[in-house]
Structures are given as C-alpha cells and as structure tokens.
Amino acid sequence: MSGKHYKAHEVSCCIKYFIFGFNIIFWLLGVAFLGIGLWAWSEKGVLSNISSITDLGGFDPVWLFLVVGGVMFVLGFAGCIGALRENTFLLKFFSVFLGIIFFLELTAGVLAFVFKDWIKDQLNFFINNNIRAYRDDIDLQNLIDFTQEYWECCGAFGADDWNLNIYFNCTDSNPSREKCGVPFSCCTKDPAEDVINTQCGYDIRGKADSEQNTFIYVKGCVPQFEKWLQDNLTVVAGIFIGIALLQIFGICLAQNLVSDIEAVRESCLFT
C-alpha cells in the first residue's frame, strides 16, 4: 500500500526541466544585461567614481540594462535552482516575484489608459529634461538621436524645444557654434548621402519656417510617438499579451511543481 501511495505522487520531470531550461536562458540574458551595464559604467568612469552617478542630469540608459538585468538575474537564478534542487522556497519566491511584476505591469497599463493626458505631460517633461542633458552623457545622446531618427521628430513638441539646451539655445550670450541649431538627428535624410552630415542642423532655427520644413523634422517626438502607437496598436498589444501569458504560464508551472514536491514530501512522511 505504501509503495502505491508513493507512486501516486511524483514530481513531473517535464515541468521540472522545462522550468530549469527556460530560466537558465533567462538567467544568462540577465547576466549579459548586467555585464553590458557594468561595462558601460566602467567606460564612463562611474565604477571608479560612484559619486558621479548624481552628476547625470538626464536619464542614463545604462540604468535600464542594470535594472532589467538585475531582475532577470534574480528571477532566473531562483527559477533554475528552485527547479533543479526542488526547493519550494525559491520556486515560491519565483512565482510571487513574477506575480508582482505582472500586477505592476497590469496596473501601469490601466493607469496609462486612464491618465493618458498626465502620461503625455510626464513624457514631455522627461524628454525636455533629457534635452537639457543631451551633451552630458554619450549613451543618452545616442538614445535621443536614435529616437529622433526613428520617429522622424525633433524635440518633445517641436524643434524649438532645443532652446532648453545650453549649446543649442538662441540667446545672444550663447558662444556655441551650435547656437540656434538642432542635433543632426533632427535633419531629414537624403538617400543619396552615404556619410552623415553632423553639421546639417547648424543655425537652422534662425531661418524661416518654410526653410526649416525642408531641412529638419518639425514634428515633436510626443505626437509622433502617439501616432506610432496608433499605427502599431495591434503589434504592441500582441507583445504585451504574449508577455503576460508567458508570465502566467511560468507562475502556473512553478506552483504546479511546488504542489508536486509538497505532495511527495507528505507521502514520504506517511510511508
């Protein structure tokens, strides 16, 4: 009877090694993200002078790699070791942590829909704050240039937002050669040009609007981002739904494995 009772409760090898295999990939990606973030910090001298973190005026893209990499590392480690060693504490930690992330994502999505005007204002503030710090950090500079080139935009709501930057503003006291200009990423692209003209935005905002329209993007990044979301709503929604389903699937598998492990332990106590 005791042998039959034990066989009725077994840990599913399929679930166990599926969770392990999935999380080992997740963990390795986390290590890669952390490695990239730390390497970027070392290149900028942050690791040798930690106080320089507070000197950054705008958003440092390296933080994104470090935060995402750290979360992936912790979750992947808990999932891998929990599944391999049949450790219910780590598996419960993995499922709860994943559940918290899912809840935060869901809450953020609902709040973004309800308070979309507030989100728009915050996005405007975020972009303008980073425009001020454009020359302070090379990673931030590359991120802004990529955004403006990809969405064919300039500034938050227009090219004049670059007046916020000390190098591009049009004040008489500005000694910069870039005075009253915009970064090259604001310039419309000529398919015939093989080499990027980094000086194409010089003095452009001192010219008439009709001439500006010929050489630079005049639409701001906030309205262009809204347009991009509307045009790609199906794809964006599909990605978010896919991520949500993957998280729910991971939580269910982890809880199922926990139940199997606890059932086997209980059966062993009565044999």
Protein backbone atom coordinates (compact mmCIF):
# COMPACT_ATOMS: atom_id res chain seq x y z
CA MET A 1 0.00 0.00 0.00
CA SER A 2 2.78 2.41 0.91
CA GLY A 3 4.53 1.82 -2.45
CA LYS A 4 1.35 2.52 -4.37
CA HIS A 5 0.74 5.64 -2.27
CA TYR A 6 4.19 6.98 -3.10
CA LYS A 7 3.80 6.34 -6.84
CA ALA A 8 0.59 8.39 -6.83
CA HIS A 9 2.64 11.50 -6.06
CA GLU A 10 5.65 12.13 -8.29
CA VAL A 11 7.46 15.27 -9.32
CA SER A 12 6.88 15.89 -13.02
CA CYS A 13 10.24 15.75 -14.79
CA CYS A 14 8.79 17.57 -17.80
CA ILE A 15 7.70 20.56 -15.69
CA LYS A 16 10.88 20.49 -13.63
CA TYR A 17 13.31 20.58 -16.55
CA PHE A 18 11.15 22.91 -18.63
CA ILE A 19 11.28 25.49 -15.83
CA PHE A 20 15.00 24.87 -15.42
CA GLY A 21 15.75 25.20 -19.15
CA PHE A 22 13.60 28.29 -19.58
CA ASN A 23 15.15 30.03 -16.58
CA ILE A 24 18.73 29.16 -17.47
CA ILE A 25 18.21 31.15 -20.69
CA PHE A 26 16.52 33.91 -18.69
CA TRP A 27 19.41 33.92 -16.19
CA LEU A 28 22.08 34.06 -18.92
CA LEU A 29 20.28 37.02 -20.54
CA GLY A 30 20.25 38.73 -17.14
CA VAL A 31 24.00 38.18 -16.80
CA ALA A 32 24.51 39.62 -20.29
CA PHE A 33 22.43 42.73 -19.49
CA LEU A 34 24.29 43.26 -16.22
CA GLY A 35 27.62 42.78 -18.00
CA ILE A 36 26.73 45.37 -20.64
CA GLY A 37 25.57 47.83 -17.99
CA LEU A 38 28.69 47.44 -15.84
CA TRP A 39 30.95 47.64 -18.90
CA ALA A 40 29.26 50.88 -19.99
CA TRP A 41 29.66 52.30 -16.50
CA SER A 42 33.34 51.36 -16.41
CA GLU A 43 33.86 53.04 -19.81
CA LYS A 44 32.32 56.24 -18.42
CA GLY A 45 34.37 56.02 -15.23
CA VAL A 46 31.35 55.60 -12.96
CA LEU A 47 32.74 52.48 -11.26
CA SER A 48 35.87 54.37 -10.25
CA ASN A 49 33.85 57.36 -9.03
CA ILE A 50 30.43 56.25 -7.78
CA SER A 51 29.53 59.82 -6.77
CA SER A 52 29.42 60.71 -10.48
CA ILE A 53 26.03 58.95 -10.68
CA THR A 54 24.43 62.00 -9.08
CA ASP A 55 26.06 64.30 -11.66
CA LEU A 56 23.97 62.89 -14.52
CA GLY A 57 21.35 65.47 -15.47
CA GLY A 58 19.13 63.20 -17.55
CA PHE A 59 18.17 59.57 -17.88
CA ASP A 60 21.13 57.24 -18.19
CA PRO A 61 20.18 54.31 -20.49
CA VAL A 62 22.69 52.15 -18.60
CA TRP A 63 20.24 52.09 -15.67
CA LEU A 64 17.77 50.26 -17.91
CA PHE A 65 20.30 47.49 -18.58
CA LEU A 66 21.23 47.23 -14.90
CA VAL A 67 17.64 47.14 -13.57
CA VAL A 68 16.33 44.73 -16.24
CA GLY A 69 19.46 42.60 -15.97
CA GLY A 70 19.23 42.51 -12.16
CA VAL A 71 15.57 41.42 -12.19
CA MET A 72 16.23 38.78 -14.84
CA PHE A 73 19.28 37.53 -12.94
CA VAL A 74 17.38 37.13 -9.64
CA LEU A 75 14.32 35.54 -11.24
CA GLY A 76 16.37 33.24 -13.45
CA PHE A 77 18.55 32.14 -10.53
CA ALA A 78 15.54 31.42 -8.31
CA GLY A 79 13.77 29.51 -11.07
CA CYS A 80 16.83 27.48 -12.07
CA ILE A 81 17.96 26.44 -8.59
CA GLY A 82 14.41 26.04 -7.34
CA ALA A 83 13.51 23.63 -10.13
CA LEU A 84 16.81 21.72 -10.15
CA ARG A 85 17.05 21.29 -6.36
CA GLU A 86 13.27 21.05 -5.89
CA ASN A 87 13.47 23.95 -3.47
CA THR A 88 9.92 25.12 -2.74
CA PHE A 89 11.09 28.37 -1.13
CA LEU A 90 12.90 29.52 -4.30
CA LEU A 91 10.03 28.34 -6.51
CA LYS A 92 7.51 30.25 -4.39
CA PHE A 93 9.79 33.30 -4.46
CA PHE A 94 9.99 32.97 -8.26
CA SER A 95 6.22 32.72 -8.73
CA VAL A 96 5.42 35.52 -6.24
CA PHE A 97 8.03 37.86 -7.73
CA LEU A 98 6.72 37.10 -11.23
CA GLY A 99 3.17 37.71 -9.98
CA ILE A 100 4.17 41.09 -8.52
CA ILE A 101 5.76 42.11 -11.83
CA PHE A 102 2.62 41.01 -13.69
CA PHE A 103 0.42 43.00 -11.30
CA LEU A 104 2.62 46.10 -11.67
CA GLU A 105 2.51 45.82 -15.46
CA LEU A 106 -1.28 45.46 -15.38
CA THR A 107 -1.63 48.43 -13.02
CA ALA A 108 0.69 50.55 -15.18
CA GLY A 109 -1.34 49.68 -18.28
CA VAL A 110 -4.64 50.64 -16.64
CA LEU A 111 -3.21 53.87 -15.20
CA ALA A 112 -1.65 54.78 -18.56
CA PHE A 113 -5.06 54.40 -20.21
CA VAL A 114 -6.96 56.31 -17.52
CA PHE A 115 -4.41 59.09 -17.04
CA LYS A 116 -3.15 59.32 -20.62
CA ASP A 117 -3.06 63.13 -20.55
CA TRP A 118 -0.93 63.06 -17.40
CA ILE A 119 1.34 60.44 -19.00
CA LYS A 120 1.67 62.72 -22.04
CA ASP A 121 2.73 65.60 -19.80
CA GLN A 122 5.23 63.40 -17.98
CA LEU A 123 6.65 62.18 -21.30
CA ASN A 124 7.03 65.80 -22.37
CA PHE A 125 8.80 66.62 -19.09
CA PHE A 126 11.02 63.53 -19.44
CA ILE A 127 12.10 64.39 -22.99
CA ASN A 128 12.74 68.06 -22.18
CA ASN A 129 14.75 67.11 -19.11
CA ASN A 130 16.93 64.86 -21.25
CA ILE A 131 17.27 67.53 -23.93
CA ARG A 132 18.94 69.71 -21.28
CA ALA A 133 21.42 66.89 -20.54
CA TYR A 134 21.99 65.92 -24.19
CA ARG A 135 25.73 66.60 -24.17
CA ASP A 136 26.32 65.32 -20.63
CA ASP A 137 26.19 61.59 -21.40
CA ILE A 138 27.11 59.80 -24.64
CA ASP A 139 24.59 56.98 -24.07
CA LEU A 140 21.76 59.46 -23.53
CA GLN A 141 22.88 61.35 -26.62
CA ASN A 142 22.78 58.18 -28.72
CA LEU A 143 19.33 57.30 -27.34
CA ILE A 144 17.90 60.73 -28.22
CA ASP A 145 19.47 60.64 -31.69
CA PHE A 146 18.06 57.16 -32.34
CA THR A 147 14.59 58.25 -31.15
CA GLN A 148 14.53 61.36 -33.34
CA GLU A 149 15.79 59.48 -36.38
CA TYR A 150 13.42 56.51 -35.93
CA TRP A 151 10.28 58.57 -35.34
CA GLU A 152 11.40 61.40 -37.64
CA CYS A 153 10.83 64.00 -34.95
CA CYS A 154 12.65 66.84 -33.23
CA GLY A 155 12.26 67.81 -29.58
CA ALA A 156 9.25 66.96 -27.44
CA PHE A 157 6.70 69.04 -29.38
CA GLY A 158 8.94 70.78 -31.89
CA ALA A 159 12.45 71.91 -32.79
CA ASP A 160 12.23 74.96 -30.54
CA ASP A 161 12.41 72.65 -27.51
CA TRP A 162 16.16 72.56 -28.16
CA ASN A 163 16.30 76.07 -26.72
CA LEU A 164 16.40 74.25 -23.37
CA ASN A 165 19.91 73.03 -24.14
CA ILE A 166 22.76 75.43 -23.39
CA TYR A 167 24.56 74.53 -26.62
CA PHE A 168 21.56 74.92 -28.96
CA ASN A 169 19.63 77.85 -27.47
CA CYS A 170 19.28 81.09 -29.43
CA THR A 171 20.28 83.53 -26.69
CA ASP A 172 22.77 86.27 -27.59
CA SER A 173 25.09 85.13 -24.80
CA ASN A 174 25.46 81.63 -26.25
CA PRO A 175 29.01 81.28 -27.68
CA SER A 176 28.43 77.78 -29.07
CA ARG A 177 28.77 77.09 -32.80
CA GLU A 178 25.57 75.04 -32.46
CA LYS A 179 23.64 78.15 -31.38
CA CYS A 180 20.08 78.23 -32.73
CA GLY A 181 20.58 74.80 -34.25
CA VAL A 182 19.44 71.22 -33.65
CA PRO A 183 21.26 67.87 -33.48
CA PHE A 184 21.93 66.11 -36.79
CA SER A 185 19.29 63.50 -35.88
CA CYS A 186 16.61 66.17 -36.48
CA CYS A 187 17.68 66.56 -40.12
CA THR A 188 15.72 64.99 -42.95
CA LYS A 189 17.75 62.29 -44.65
CA ASP A 190 18.97 62.45 -48.22
CA PRO A 191 19.11 58.88 -49.63
CA ALA A 192 21.98 59.92 -51.90
CA GLU A 193 24.20 60.79 -48.92
CA ASP A 194 26.43 57.96 -47.69
CA VAL A 195 28.09 59.97 -44.92
CA ILE A 196 26.05 61.62 -42.16
CA ASN A 197 26.41 65.39 -42.12
CA THR A 198 26.64 66.13 -38.39
CA GLN A 199 26.51 69.89 -39.07
CA CYS A 200 23.24 69.83 -41.03
CA GLY A 201 21.29 71.37 -38.14
CA TYR A 202 23.56 74.39 -37.58
CA ASP A 203 21.69 77.73 -37.45
CA ILE A 204 18.53 76.12 -38.86
CA ARG A 205 16.16 77.59 -36.27
CA GLY A 206 17.27 81.07 -37.20
CA LYS A 207 15.72 80.58 -40.65
CA ALA A 208 12.11 80.90 -41.81
CA ASP A 209 9.65 78.10 -41.01
CA SER A 210 9.26 77.18 -44.67
CA GLU A 211 13.01 76.63 -44.94
CA GLN A 212 13.11 74.66 -41.69
CA ASN A 213 10.47 72.27 -43.05
CA THR A 214 12.80 71.41 -45.93
CA PHE A 215 15.83 70.51 -43.85
CA ILE A 216 14.61 69.20 -40.46
CA TYR A 217 11.73 67.29 -38.94
CA VAL A 218 9.30 69.81 -37.49
CA LYS A 219 7.01 67.39 -35.64
CA GLY A 220 7.72 66.67 -31.97
CA CYS A 221 8.52 63.22 -30.62
CA VAL A 222 5.49 63.09 -28.29
CA PRO A 223 2.88 63.36 -31.09
CA GLN A 224 4.99 61.10 -33.31
CA PHE A 225 5.12 58.51 -30.54
CA GLU A 226 1.33 58.70 -30.20
CA LYS A 227 0.95 58.24 -33.96
CA TRP A 228 3.35 55.28 -33.90
CA LEU A 229 1.32 53.65 -31.10
CA GLN A 230 -1.91 54.07 -33.06
CA ASP A 231 -0.36 52.66 -36.23
CA ASN A 232 1.17 49.68 -34.41
CA LEU A 233 -1.51 49.14 -31.76
CA THR A 234 -2.11 45.52 -32.77
CA VAL A 235 1.58 44.63 -32.63
CA VAL A 236 2.15 46.43 -29.31
CA ALA A 237 -0.96 44.84 -27.76
CA GLY A 238 0.11 41.41 -29.07
CA ILE A 239 3.57 41.76 -27.50
CA PHE A 240 2.14 42.78 -24.11
CA ILE A 241 -0.44 39.98 -24.19
CA GLY A 242 2.26 37.47 -25.15
CA ILE A 243 4.49 38.60 -22.26
CA ALA A 244 1.54 38.45 -19.85
CA LEU A 245 0.60 34.92 -20.96
CA LEU A 246 4.22 33.81 -20.62
CA GLN A 247 4.33 35.18 -17.06
CA ILE A 248 1.03 33.49 -16.13
CA PHE A 249 2.30 30.24 -17.67
CA GLY A 250 5.52 30.48 -15.62
CA ILE A 251 3.59 31.13 -12.39
CA CYS A 252 1.27 28.16 -13.04
CA LEU A 253 4.17 25.80 -13.81
CA ALA A 254 6.09 26.89 -10.70
CA GLN A 255 3.01 26.43 -8.48
CA ASN A 256 2.33 23.05 -10.06
CA LEU A 257 5.89 21.95 -9.35
CA VAL A 258 5.62 23.21 -5.75
CA SER A 259 2.43 21.18 -5.30
CA ASP A 260 4.12 18.05 -6.67
CA ILE A 261 7.14 18.47 -4.39
CA GLU A 262 4.99 19.04 -1.30
CA ALA A 263 2.78 16.07 -2.18
CA VAL A 264 5.83 13.79 -2.50
CA ARG A 265 7.21 15.03 0.84
CA GLU A 266 3.89 14.44 2.56
CA SER A 267 3.62 10.93 1.10
CA CYS A 268 7.14 10.16 2.32
CA LEU A 269 6.15 11.14 5.87
CA PHE A 270 3.39 8.55 5.90
CA THR A 271 5.42 5.70 4.42
